[in-house]
Each structure stands twice: as C-alpha cells, then as structure tokens.
C-alpha cells in the first residue's frame, strides 16, 4: 500500500509537479477530431493535466490547442475575446509573434 505522501506524488499532475512534469514529456490525447467544431466554429474547452485549454479548428481546417487565458477582473473587457482570437489566429498561421 502507498503512503499518503507517495499517493500525492503520483496523483498530482498540475504544472510544476513531479508527475505533471513527467506526463508533459509525452503525447496526451486532448479530444477526438470529431469533437472539434467546424472551421471557425466555437472553441471546445478542455481540461488536461490540471490546465484549462481551448481546442479549435482554424479556417484552414488545422487543429489548434492553446492555453486558456483568464483575464483578471481589472483587465476584463469586451476586447478580451478579440485578443484571444487574434492570438489563436497568429498561432495557427505559424506567426512568430
């Protein structure tokens, strides 16, 4: 039987944890292609290894997965969605910025 400490070590997979760091070295399925929206459709929220992510299908049909940014209350505004879409578009297009 595992000790409480060993169990915690093996079960915690969030960012910065030993098991989380190990799991991030391998491919981990996030969603089936059939679960993703149509081109330029609404994104799919995914929680994987303790992180909130957004899966989407771009205009080109390419699949993308990005970390979900949650604006702070002071920064929350109607432009937050625009910034997220712009970021997703630049990642999808292969932009280095």
N, C-alpha and C. Protein backbone atom coordinates (compact mmCIF):
# COMPACT_ATOMS: atom_id res chain seq x y z
N UNK A 1 0.84 -1.17 0.00
CA UNK A 1 0.00 0.00 0.00
C UNK A 1 0.89 1.24 0.00
N UNK A 2 0.46 2.26 -0.76
CA UNK A 2 1.21 3.51 -0.84
C UNK A 2 0.99 4.37 0.39
N UNK A 3 2.04 5.07 0.76
CA UNK A 3 1.88 6.05 1.84
C UNK A 3 1.10 7.24 1.28
N UNK A 4 0.59 8.05 2.15
CA UNK A 4 -0.15 9.24 1.74
C UNK A 4 0.73 10.15 0.88
N UNK A 5 2.00 10.30 1.25
CA UNK A 5 2.93 11.16 0.52
C UNK A 5 3.19 10.61 -0.88
N UNK A 6 3.40 9.29 -0.99
CA UNK A 6 3.63 8.68 -2.30
C UNK A 6 2.39 8.80 -3.19
N UNK A 7 1.23 8.63 -2.59
CA UNK A 7 -0.01 8.76 -3.35
C UNK A 7 -0.14 10.18 -3.90
N UNK A 8 0.14 11.19 -3.08
CA UNK A 8 0.08 12.58 -3.53
C UNK A 8 1.08 12.82 -4.65
N UNK A 9 2.28 12.28 -4.52
CA UNK A 9 3.32 12.44 -5.53
C UNK A 9 2.86 11.88 -6.88
N UNK A 10 2.21 10.72 -6.87
CA UNK A 10 1.79 10.07 -8.10
C UNK A 10 0.50 10.64 -8.70
N UNK A 11 -0.35 11.20 -7.88
CA UNK A 11 -1.67 11.65 -8.35
C UNK A 11 -1.72 13.10 -8.78
N UNK A 12 -0.84 13.93 -8.30
CA UNK A 12 -0.86 15.35 -8.65
C UNK A 12 -0.16 15.55 -10.00
N UNK A 13 -0.91 16.08 -11.00
CA UNK A 13 -0.34 16.22 -12.35
C UNK A 13 -0.38 17.67 -12.85
N UNK A 14 -0.64 18.61 -11.96
CA UNK A 14 -0.67 20.01 -12.35
C UNK A 14 0.71 20.53 -12.75
N UNK A 15 0.77 21.73 -13.30
CA UNK A 15 2.05 22.33 -13.68
C UNK A 15 3.00 22.42 -12.50
N UNK A 16 4.25 22.07 -12.72
CA UNK A 16 5.28 22.18 -11.69
C UNK A 16 5.34 21.02 -10.71
N UNK A 17 4.50 20.00 -10.89
CA UNK A 17 4.56 18.83 -10.01
C UNK A 17 5.43 17.76 -10.67
N UNK A 18 6.07 16.89 -9.89
CA UNK A 18 6.91 15.87 -10.50
C UNK A 18 6.18 15.00 -11.54
N UNK A 19 4.99 14.51 -11.21
CA UNK A 19 4.27 13.67 -12.15
C UNK A 19 3.74 14.49 -13.33
N UNK A 20 3.34 15.73 -13.07
CA UNK A 20 2.90 16.62 -14.14
C UNK A 20 4.02 16.88 -15.13
N UNK A 21 5.22 17.12 -14.60
CA UNK A 21 6.38 17.34 -15.48
C UNK A 21 6.68 16.09 -16.31
N UNK A 22 6.56 14.92 -15.70
CA UNK A 22 6.79 13.67 -16.42
C UNK A 22 5.74 13.48 -17.52
N UNK A 23 4.47 13.66 -17.20
CA UNK A 23 3.40 13.45 -18.18
C UNK A 23 3.49 14.42 -19.36
N UNK A 24 4.01 15.61 -19.13
CA UNK A 24 4.13 16.60 -20.21
C UNK A 24 5.24 16.27 -21.19
N UNK A 25 6.02 15.24 -20.94
CA UNK A 25 7.05 14.81 -21.87
C UNK A 25 6.49 13.86 -22.93
N UNK A 26 5.23 13.49 -22.83
CA UNK A 26 4.60 12.53 -23.73
C UNK A 26 3.36 13.13 -24.37
N UNK A 27 2.94 12.56 -25.49
CA UNK A 27 1.70 12.97 -26.14
C UNK A 27 0.53 12.50 -25.29
N UNK A 28 -0.39 13.39 -25.04
CA UNK A 28 -1.59 13.06 -24.27
C UNK A 28 -2.79 13.50 -25.10
N UNK A 29 -3.68 12.58 -25.48
CA UNK A 29 -4.86 12.98 -26.27
C UNK A 29 -5.72 13.99 -25.50
N UNK A 30 -6.15 15.03 -26.20
CA UNK A 30 -6.97 16.06 -25.58
C UNK A 30 -8.43 15.97 -26.02
N UNK A 31 -8.67 15.58 -27.27
CA UNK A 31 -10.03 15.49 -27.80
C UNK A 31 -9.98 14.70 -29.11
N UNK A 32 -11.10 14.13 -29.46
CA UNK A 32 -11.23 13.47 -30.75
C UNK A 32 -11.45 14.54 -31.82
N UNK A 33 -10.97 14.32 -33.01
CA UNK A 33 -11.18 15.26 -34.09
C UNK A 33 -12.67 15.50 -34.33
N UNK A 34 -13.46 14.45 -34.18
CA UNK A 34 -14.91 14.57 -34.39
C UNK A 34 -15.58 15.45 -33.33
N UNK A 35 -14.93 15.66 -32.20
CA UNK A 35 -15.48 16.52 -31.14
C UNK A 35 -15.22 18.00 -31.40
N UNK A 36 -14.27 18.29 -32.29
CA UNK A 36 -13.92 19.68 -32.55
C UNK A 36 -14.95 20.34 -33.44
N UNK A 37 -15.11 21.65 -33.29
CA UNK A 37 -16.10 22.37 -34.08
C UNK A 37 -15.71 22.44 -35.55
N UNK A 38 -16.66 22.86 -36.36
CA UNK A 38 -16.39 23.09 -37.77
C UNK A 38 -15.39 24.24 -37.90
N UNK A 39 -14.88 24.44 -39.08
CA UNK A 39 -13.93 25.53 -39.31
C UNK A 39 -14.49 26.85 -38.77
N UNK A 40 -13.67 27.54 -38.02
CA UNK A 40 -14.02 28.83 -37.41
C UNK A 40 -15.24 28.75 -36.49
N UNK A 41 -15.55 27.56 -36.01
CA UNK A 41 -16.67 27.38 -35.09
C UNK A 41 -16.28 27.75 -33.66
N UNK A 42 -17.23 27.59 -32.78
CA UNK A 42 -16.97 27.87 -31.37
C UNK A 42 -15.90 26.92 -30.84
N UNK A 43 -14.97 27.40 -30.03
CA UNK A 43 -13.92 26.54 -29.50
C UNK A 43 -14.45 25.54 -28.47
N UNK A 44 -13.67 24.51 -28.23
CA UNK A 44 -14.01 23.46 -27.27
C UNK A 44 -13.11 23.63 -26.05
N UNK A 45 -13.71 23.74 -24.87
CA UNK A 45 -12.93 23.84 -23.63
C UNK A 45 -12.44 22.46 -23.24
N UNK A 46 -11.17 22.37 -22.87
CA UNK A 46 -10.55 21.10 -22.49
C UNK A 46 -9.77 21.33 -21.20
N UNK A 47 -9.90 20.41 -20.26
CA UNK A 47 -9.07 20.45 -19.05
C UNK A 47 -8.17 19.23 -19.10
N UNK A 48 -6.88 19.46 -19.14
CA UNK A 48 -5.91 18.39 -19.31
C UNK A 48 -4.73 18.62 -18.38
N UNK A 49 -4.41 17.65 -17.58
CA UNK A 49 -3.30 17.74 -16.62
C UNK A 49 -3.39 19.00 -15.76
N UNK A 50 -4.60 19.31 -15.33
CA UNK A 50 -4.81 20.43 -14.43
C UNK A 50 -4.77 21.79 -15.09
N UNK A 51 -4.74 21.85 -16.41
CA UNK A 51 -4.69 23.13 -17.12
C UNK A 51 -5.94 23.31 -17.98
N UNK A 52 -6.43 24.54 -18.03
CA UNK A 52 -7.56 24.87 -18.88
C UNK A 52 -7.04 25.24 -20.26
N UNK A 53 -7.51 24.51 -21.27
CA UNK A 53 -7.06 24.72 -22.64
C UNK A 53 -8.26 24.95 -23.55
N UNK A 54 -7.99 25.46 -24.74
CA UNK A 54 -9.01 25.68 -25.75
C UNK A 54 -8.58 24.94 -27.02
N UNK A 55 -9.43 24.04 -27.50
CA UNK A 55 -9.19 23.34 -28.77
C UNK A 55 -10.08 24.00 -29.82
N UNK A 56 -9.54 24.16 -31.03
CA UNK A 56 -10.30 24.83 -32.09
C UNK A 56 -9.87 24.31 -33.45
N UNK A 57 -10.69 24.59 -34.45
CA UNK A 57 -10.36 24.26 -35.83
C UNK A 57 -10.32 25.59 -36.58
N UNK A 58 -9.19 25.89 -37.19
CA UNK A 58 -8.98 27.16 -37.90
C UNK A 58 -9.66 27.14 -39.27
N UNK A 59 -9.63 28.28 -39.93
CA UNK A 59 -10.22 28.41 -41.27
C UNK A 59 -9.63 27.41 -42.25
N UNK A 60 -8.34 27.12 -42.08
CA UNK A 60 -7.65 26.18 -42.97
C UNK A 60 -8.03 24.73 -42.70
N UNK A 61 -8.71 24.49 -41.57
CA UNK A 61 -9.05 23.13 -41.16
C UNK A 61 -8.05 22.55 -40.18
N UNK A 62 -6.93 23.27 -39.95
CA UNK A 62 -5.92 22.81 -38.99
C UNK A 62 -6.49 22.87 -37.58
N UNK A 63 -6.04 21.95 -36.75
CA UNK A 63 -6.47 21.88 -35.36
C UNK A 63 -5.46 22.60 -34.49
N UNK A 64 -5.95 23.35 -33.50
CA UNK A 64 -5.08 24.06 -32.58
C UNK A 64 -5.49 23.82 -31.15
N UNK A 65 -4.52 23.94 -30.24
CA UNK A 65 -4.77 23.81 -28.81
C UNK A 65 -3.92 24.85 -28.12
N UNK A 66 -4.57 25.76 -27.39
CA UNK A 66 -3.83 26.83 -26.70
C UNK A 66 -4.27 26.89 -25.25
N UNK A 67 -3.42 27.47 -24.43
CA UNK A 67 -3.76 27.67 -23.02
C UNK A 67 -4.83 28.74 -22.93
N UNK A 68 -5.83 28.46 -22.12
CA UNK A 68 -6.93 29.41 -21.93
C UNK A 68 -6.48 30.52 -21.00
N UNK A 69 -6.48 31.76 -21.49
CA UNK A 69 -6.11 32.91 -20.68
C UNK A 69 -7.35 33.43 -19.98
N UNK A 70 -7.26 33.60 -18.68
CA UNK A 70 -8.37 34.14 -17.91
C UNK A 70 -7.96 35.53 -17.45
N UNK A 71 -8.59 36.56 -18.03
CA UNK A 71 -8.21 37.92 -17.64
C UNK A 71 -8.59 38.21 -16.20
N UNK A 72 -7.80 39.02 -15.55
CA UNK A 72 -8.13 39.43 -14.19
C UNK A 72 -9.30 40.38 -14.24
N UNK A 73 -9.96 40.59 -13.12
CA UNK A 73 -11.14 41.46 -13.07
C UNK A 73 -10.80 42.86 -13.55
N UNK A 74 -9.61 43.33 -13.24
CA UNK A 74 -9.22 44.67 -13.63
C UNK A 74 -9.01 44.79 -15.14
N UNK A 75 -8.64 43.69 -15.78
CA UNK A 75 -8.36 43.73 -17.21
C UNK A 75 -9.51 43.21 -18.05
N UNK A 76 -10.50 42.61 -17.43
CA UNK A 76 -11.62 42.05 -18.18
C UNK A 76 -12.35 43.16 -18.92
N UNK A 77 -12.54 42.95 -20.20
CA UNK A 77 -13.25 43.94 -21.00
C UNK A 77 -13.81 43.27 -22.24
N UNK A 78 -14.50 44.01 -23.04
CA UNK A 78 -15.07 43.44 -24.26
C UNK A 78 -14.00 43.11 -25.28
N UNK A 79 -12.77 43.59 -25.10
CA UNK A 79 -11.71 43.30 -26.05
C UNK A 79 -10.97 42.01 -25.73
N UNK A 80 -11.27 41.38 -24.58
CA UNK A 80 -10.57 40.15 -24.20
C UNK A 80 -10.77 39.06 -25.23
N UNK A 81 -12.00 38.88 -25.72
CA UNK A 81 -12.28 37.85 -26.73
C UNK A 81 -11.54 38.13 -28.02
N UNK A 82 -11.44 39.40 -28.40
CA UNK A 82 -10.74 39.78 -29.62
C UNK A 82 -9.27 39.43 -29.50
N UNK A 83 -8.66 39.70 -28.35
CA UNK A 83 -7.26 39.37 -28.15
C UNK A 83 -7.03 37.88 -28.23
N UNK A 84 -7.92 37.09 -27.65
CA UNK A 84 -7.78 35.63 -27.68
C UNK A 84 -7.87 35.13 -29.11
N UNK A 85 -8.83 35.62 -29.89
CA UNK A 85 -8.96 35.19 -31.29
C UNK A 85 -7.74 35.59 -32.09
N UNK A 86 -7.20 36.79 -31.84
CA UNK A 86 -6.02 37.25 -32.57
C UNK A 86 -4.83 36.37 -32.24
N UNK A 87 -4.69 36.01 -30.96
CA UNK A 87 -3.60 35.13 -30.54
C UNK A 87 -3.75 33.77 -31.19
N UNK A 88 -4.94 33.21 -31.19
CA UNK A 88 -5.18 31.91 -31.79
C UNK A 88 -4.89 31.96 -33.28
N UNK A 89 -5.28 33.04 -33.94
CA UNK A 89 -5.05 33.16 -35.37
C UNK A 89 -3.56 33.24 -35.68
N UNK A 90 -2.79 33.96 -34.86
CA UNK A 90 -1.36 34.06 -35.13
C UNK A 90 -0.65 32.74 -34.86
N UNK A 91 -1.10 31.98 -33.86
CA UNK A 91 -0.50 30.68 -33.59
C UNK A 91 -0.82 29.72 -34.74
N UNK A 92 -2.06 29.73 -35.18
CA UNK A 92 -2.49 28.85 -36.26
C UNK A 92 -1.75 29.16 -37.55
N UNK A 93 -1.54 30.43 -37.81
CA UNK A 93 -0.89 30.83 -39.05
C UNK A 93 0.61 30.59 -39.00
N UNK A 94 1.14 30.21 -37.83
CA UNK A 94 2.56 29.96 -37.71
C UNK A 94 3.37 31.22 -37.50
N UNK A 95 2.73 32.28 -37.08
CA UNK A 95 3.41 33.53 -36.83
C UNK A 95 4.37 33.39 -35.67
N UNK A 96 5.49 34.06 -35.73
CA UNK A 96 6.46 34.01 -34.63
C UNK A 96 6.22 35.09 -33.62
N UNK A 97 5.19 35.92 -33.81
CA UNK A 97 4.92 36.99 -32.84
C UNK A 97 3.86 36.57 -31.87
